[in-house]
Amino acid sequence: MKIDDATVLHIARLARIRVDDAQAKRLVGELTAILQWVEQLNEVDTSGVEPMSCVIDTAMTMREDEVTDGGYPQDIVKNAAERADRFFVVPKVVE
């Protein structure tokens, strides 16, 4: 797929990125190279490859799901502008 200046400027507008004409000409080459690389990856036969989330076969470390206060609530609210006991005091937002 070939990218032209108009496509680069359109993508930049959609992404809300300011791109001048000189930058657009440079980006045409970069985006074209990226798309050619992706097309090259699409040619690789991956039909026998299982999907994976990690290249190393590992098992997730599991722990008990316990609800705690962290064990140090006073330290957490220590630097709060305003607090009441172990809680942050904030202005009321909803009437």
N, C-alpha and C. Protein backbone atom coordinates (compact mmCIF):
# COMPACT_ATOMS: atom_id res chain seq x y z
N MET A 1 0.85 -1.18 0.00
CA MET A 1 0.00 0.00 0.00
C MET A 1 0.89 1.24 0.00
N LYS A 2 0.56 2.18 -0.82
CA LYS A 2 1.33 3.41 -0.94
C LYS A 2 0.59 4.54 -0.23
N ILE A 3 1.31 5.26 0.57
CA ILE A 3 0.76 6.42 1.30
C ILE A 3 1.19 7.68 0.56
N ASP A 4 0.28 8.64 0.44
CA ASP A 4 0.62 9.92 -0.17
C ASP A 4 0.48 11.04 0.86
N ASP A 5 0.86 12.25 0.45
CA ASP A 5 0.82 13.40 1.37
C ASP A 5 -0.58 13.64 1.91
N ALA A 6 -1.59 13.51 1.07
CA ALA A 6 -2.96 13.77 1.50
C ALA A 6 -3.38 12.78 2.58
N THR A 7 -2.99 11.52 2.44
CA THR A 7 -3.32 10.51 3.45
C THR A 7 -2.64 10.82 4.77
N VAL A 8 -1.38 11.21 4.71
CA VAL A 8 -0.65 11.57 5.93
C VAL A 8 -1.31 12.75 6.62
N LEU A 9 -1.68 13.76 5.87
CA LEU A 9 -2.33 14.94 6.46
C LEU A 9 -3.70 14.58 7.02
N HIS A 10 -4.41 13.66 6.36
CA HIS A 10 -5.71 13.21 6.86
C HIS A 10 -5.55 12.46 8.18
N ILE A 11 -4.57 11.55 8.25
CA ILE A 11 -4.30 10.81 9.48
C ILE A 11 -3.90 11.76 10.60
N ALA A 12 -3.07 12.74 10.26
CA ALA A 12 -2.65 13.72 11.26
C ALA A 12 -3.83 14.52 11.79
N ARG A 13 -4.75 14.88 10.89
CA ARG A 13 -5.93 15.63 11.33
C ARG A 13 -6.80 14.77 12.25
N LEU A 14 -6.98 13.50 11.90
CA LEU A 14 -7.77 12.61 12.74
C LEU A 14 -7.13 12.42 14.11
N ALA A 15 -5.79 12.39 14.14
CA ALA A 15 -5.07 12.20 15.40
C ALA A 15 -4.85 13.52 16.13
N ARG A 16 -5.32 14.60 15.54
CA ARG A 16 -5.16 15.94 16.11
C ARG A 16 -3.68 16.27 16.35
N ILE A 17 -2.88 15.95 15.31
CA ILE A 17 -1.44 16.23 15.35
C ILE A 17 -1.14 17.25 14.27
N ARG A 18 -0.42 18.29 14.63
CA ARG A 18 -0.06 19.31 13.65
C ARG A 18 1.15 18.82 12.85
N VAL A 19 0.96 18.70 11.54
CA VAL A 19 2.02 18.23 10.64
C VAL A 19 2.12 19.22 9.48
N ASP A 20 3.32 19.77 9.27
CA ASP A 20 3.48 20.67 8.12
C ASP A 20 3.87 19.85 6.89
N ASP A 21 3.99 20.51 5.74
CA ASP A 21 4.25 19.80 4.48
C ASP A 21 5.59 19.06 4.49
N ALA A 22 6.61 19.66 5.10
CA ALA A 22 7.92 19.01 5.15
C ALA A 22 7.86 17.73 5.98
N GLN A 23 7.18 17.80 7.10
CA GLN A 23 7.03 16.61 7.95
C GLN A 23 6.19 15.55 7.24
N ALA A 24 5.18 15.98 6.50
CA ALA A 24 4.31 15.04 5.79
C ALA A 24 5.10 14.25 4.75
N LYS A 25 6.00 14.92 4.04
CA LYS A 25 6.81 14.23 3.03
C LYS A 25 7.70 13.17 3.69
N ARG A 26 8.25 13.48 4.86
CA ARG A 26 9.10 12.52 5.57
C ARG A 26 8.25 11.36 6.10
N LEU A 27 7.06 11.68 6.60
CA LEU A 27 6.19 10.64 7.14
C LEU A 27 5.64 9.71 6.07
N VAL A 28 5.53 10.19 4.83
CA VAL A 28 5.07 9.33 3.74
C VAL A 28 6.00 8.12 3.63
N GLY A 29 7.30 8.37 3.63
CA GLY A 29 8.26 7.28 3.52
C GLY A 29 8.22 6.35 4.72
N GLU A 30 8.12 6.92 5.92
CA GLU A 30 8.11 6.11 7.13
C GLU A 30 6.86 5.23 7.20
N LEU A 31 5.69 5.81 6.93
CA LEU A 31 4.45 5.05 7.00
C LEU A 31 4.39 3.98 5.91
N THR A 32 4.90 4.29 4.73
CA THR A 32 4.94 3.30 3.65
C THR A 32 5.83 2.13 4.05
N ALA A 33 6.98 2.41 4.66
CA ALA A 33 7.89 1.34 5.10
C ALA A 33 7.22 0.47 6.17
N ILE A 34 6.50 1.09 7.08
CA ILE A 34 5.81 0.34 8.13
C ILE A 34 4.75 -0.57 7.52
N LEU A 35 3.95 -0.04 6.59
CA LEU A 35 2.91 -0.85 5.97
C LEU A 35 3.49 -1.98 5.12
N GLN A 36 4.63 -1.74 4.47
CA GLN A 36 5.28 -2.81 3.71
C GLN A 36 5.75 -3.92 4.65
N TRP A 37 6.25 -3.54 5.81
CA TRP A 37 6.69 -4.52 6.80
C TRP A 37 5.51 -5.35 7.30
N VAL A 38 4.37 -4.70 7.55
CA VAL A 38 3.18 -5.41 7.99
C VAL A 38 2.70 -6.36 6.89
N GLU A 39 2.73 -5.93 5.63
CA GLU A 39 2.35 -6.81 4.52
C GLU A 39 3.29 -8.02 4.45
N GLN A 40 4.56 -7.80 4.73
CA GLN A 40 5.52 -8.90 4.75
C GLN A 40 5.19 -9.88 5.87
N LEU A 41 4.79 -9.37 7.02
CA LEU A 41 4.40 -10.24 8.13
C LEU A 41 3.15 -11.05 7.79
N ASN A 42 2.24 -10.47 7.02
CA ASN A 42 1.02 -11.18 6.63
C ASN A 42 1.31 -12.37 5.73
N GLU A 43 2.46 -12.40 5.09
CA GLU A 43 2.83 -13.51 4.21
C GLU A 43 3.31 -14.73 4.99
N VAL A 44 3.63 -14.58 6.26
CA VAL A 44 4.14 -15.69 7.07
C VAL A 44 2.99 -16.64 7.41
N ASP A 45 3.24 -17.95 7.22
CA ASP A 45 2.23 -18.96 7.54
C ASP A 45 2.22 -19.21 9.04
N THR A 46 1.14 -18.80 9.70
CA THR A 46 1.01 -18.99 11.15
C THR A 46 -0.11 -19.95 11.49
N SER A 47 -0.52 -20.77 10.54
CA SER A 47 -1.66 -21.65 10.77
C SER A 47 -1.39 -22.69 11.85
N GLY A 48 -0.13 -23.12 12.04
CA GLY A 48 0.18 -24.13 13.05
C GLY A 48 0.68 -23.55 14.36
N VAL A 49 0.61 -22.25 14.52
CA VAL A 49 1.13 -21.59 15.72
C VAL A 49 -0.03 -21.29 16.66
N GLU A 50 0.10 -21.77 17.90
CA GLU A 50 -0.95 -21.50 18.89
C GLU A 50 -0.81 -20.08 19.42
N PRO A 51 -1.93 -19.41 19.69
CA PRO A 51 -1.87 -18.08 20.28
C PRO A 51 -1.25 -18.14 21.67
N MET A 52 -0.49 -17.12 22.03
CA MET A 52 0.11 -17.09 23.36
C MET A 52 0.18 -15.67 23.86
N SER A 53 0.27 -15.54 25.16
CA SER A 53 0.37 -14.21 25.76
C SER A 53 1.79 -13.92 26.21
N CYS A 54 2.64 -14.95 26.24
CA CYS A 54 4.02 -14.79 26.68
C CYS A 54 4.88 -15.83 25.96
N VAL A 55 6.11 -15.46 25.64
CA VAL A 55 6.97 -16.40 24.93
C VAL A 55 7.55 -17.47 25.85
N ILE A 56 7.50 -17.24 27.14
CA ILE A 56 7.98 -18.20 28.13
C ILE A 56 6.77 -18.89 28.75
N ASP A 57 6.80 -20.21 28.82
CA ASP A 57 5.69 -20.96 29.40
C ASP A 57 5.72 -20.79 30.92
N THR A 58 4.85 -19.95 31.43
CA THR A 58 4.79 -19.69 32.87
C THR A 58 3.35 -19.84 33.35
N ALA A 59 3.23 -20.06 34.64
CA ALA A 59 1.91 -20.11 35.27
C ALA A 59 1.76 -18.88 36.15
N MET A 60 0.55 -18.35 36.19
CA MET A 60 0.30 -17.18 37.02
C MET A 60 0.39 -17.55 38.50
N THR A 61 1.02 -16.68 39.27
CA THR A 61 1.07 -16.88 40.71
C THR A 61 -0.26 -16.44 41.29
N MET A 62 -0.90 -17.34 42.00
CA MET A 62 -2.22 -17.04 42.55
C MET A 62 -2.09 -16.78 44.05
N ARG A 63 -2.95 -15.92 44.54
CA ARG A 63 -3.01 -15.66 45.97
C ARG A 63 -4.47 -15.57 46.37
N GLU A 64 -4.71 -15.66 47.65
CA GLU A 64 -6.07 -15.54 48.15
C GLU A 64 -6.58 -14.12 47.90
N ASP A 65 -7.82 -14.00 47.53
CA ASP A 65 -8.44 -12.71 47.29
C ASP A 65 -9.04 -12.22 48.60
N GLU A 66 -8.29 -11.38 49.30
CA GLU A 66 -8.72 -10.88 50.61
C GLU A 66 -8.92 -9.38 50.55
N VAL A 67 -9.97 -8.91 51.18
CA VAL A 67 -10.22 -7.47 51.27
C VAL A 67 -9.52 -6.96 52.53
N THR A 68 -8.61 -5.99 52.35
CA THR A 68 -7.90 -5.40 53.49
C THR A 68 -7.87 -3.89 53.32
N ASP A 69 -7.48 -3.22 54.36
CA ASP A 69 -7.32 -1.77 54.28
C ASP A 69 -5.86 -1.41 53.97
N GLY A 70 -5.04 -2.38 53.67
CA GLY A 70 -3.65 -2.15 53.36
C GLY A 70 -2.76 -2.21 54.58
N GLY A 71 -3.36 -2.09 55.75
CA GLY A 71 -2.59 -2.19 56.98
C GLY A 71 -1.94 -0.89 57.44
N TYR A 72 -2.08 0.17 56.70
CA TYR A 72 -1.47 1.44 57.10
C TYR A 72 -2.32 2.64 56.66
N PRO A 73 -3.60 2.67 57.08
CA PRO A 73 -4.48 3.76 56.64
C PRO A 73 -4.01 5.14 57.11
N GLN A 74 -3.39 5.23 58.27
CA GLN A 74 -2.92 6.53 58.76
C GLN A 74 -1.83 7.10 57.86
N ASP A 75 -0.96 6.24 57.35
CA ASP A 75 0.09 6.70 56.44
C ASP A 75 -0.49 7.17 55.11
N ILE A 76 -1.56 6.54 54.68
CA ILE A 76 -2.16 6.89 53.39
C ILE A 76 -2.76 8.30 53.45
N VAL A 77 -3.45 8.64 54.52
CA VAL A 77 -4.09 9.95 54.61
C VAL A 77 -3.21 10.98 55.28
N LYS A 78 -1.98 10.63 55.59
CA LYS A 78 -1.08 11.53 56.32
C LYS A 78 -0.91 12.88 55.63
N ASN A 79 -0.80 12.91 54.31
CA ASN A 79 -0.56 14.16 53.58
C ASN A 79 -1.82 14.75 52.97
N ALA A 80 -2.98 14.26 53.36
CA ALA A 80 -4.23 14.78 52.82
C ALA A 80 -4.44 16.21 53.29
N ALA A 81 -5.01 17.02 52.43
CA ALA A 81 -5.30 18.41 52.79
C ALA A 81 -6.30 18.46 53.94
N GLU A 82 -7.28 17.58 53.88
CA GLU A 82 -8.29 17.50 54.93
C GLU A 82 -8.66 16.03 55.12
N ARG A 83 -8.78 15.60 56.37
CA ARG A 83 -9.12 14.21 56.62
C ARG A 83 -9.98 14.10 57.87
N ALA A 84 -10.68 13.00 57.95
CA ALA A 84 -11.48 12.67 59.13
C ALA A 84 -11.14 11.23 59.48
N ASP A 85 -10.42 11.06 60.57
CA ASP A 85 -9.95 9.75 61.01
C ASP A 85 -9.10 9.13 59.90
N ARG A 86 -9.53 8.03 59.29
CA ARG A 86 -8.74 7.37 58.24
C ARG A 86 -9.26 7.70 56.84
N PHE A 87 -10.06 8.73 56.69
CA PHE A 87 -10.71 9.00 55.42
C PHE A 87 -10.34 10.38 54.88
N PHE A 88 -10.31 10.49 53.54
CA PHE A 88 -10.11 11.78 52.89
C PHE A 88 -11.40 12.56 52.94
N VAL A 89 -11.30 13.87 53.20
CA VAL A 89 -12.48 14.74 53.15
C VAL A 89 -12.35 15.57 51.88
N VAL A 90 -13.39 15.48 51.04
CA VAL A 90 -13.39 16.21 49.78
C VAL A 90 -14.66 17.05 49.68
N PRO A 91 -14.63 18.10 48.89
CA PRO A 91 -15.84 18.91 48.74
C PRO A 91 -16.95 18.11 48.06
N LYS A 92 -18.18 18.43 48.42
CA LYS A 92 -19.32 17.79 47.81
C LYS A 92 -19.42 18.22 46.35
N VAL A 93 -19.60 17.28 45.45
CA VAL A 93 -19.63 17.59 44.02
C VAL A 93 -21.03 17.53 43.49
N VAL A 94 -21.86 16.61 43.99
CA VAL A 94 -23.20 16.44 43.50
C VAL A 94 -24.18 17.02 44.51
N GLU A 95 -25.12 17.79 44.00
CA GLU A 95 -26.12 18.40 44.89
C GLU A 95 -27.26 17.44 45.13
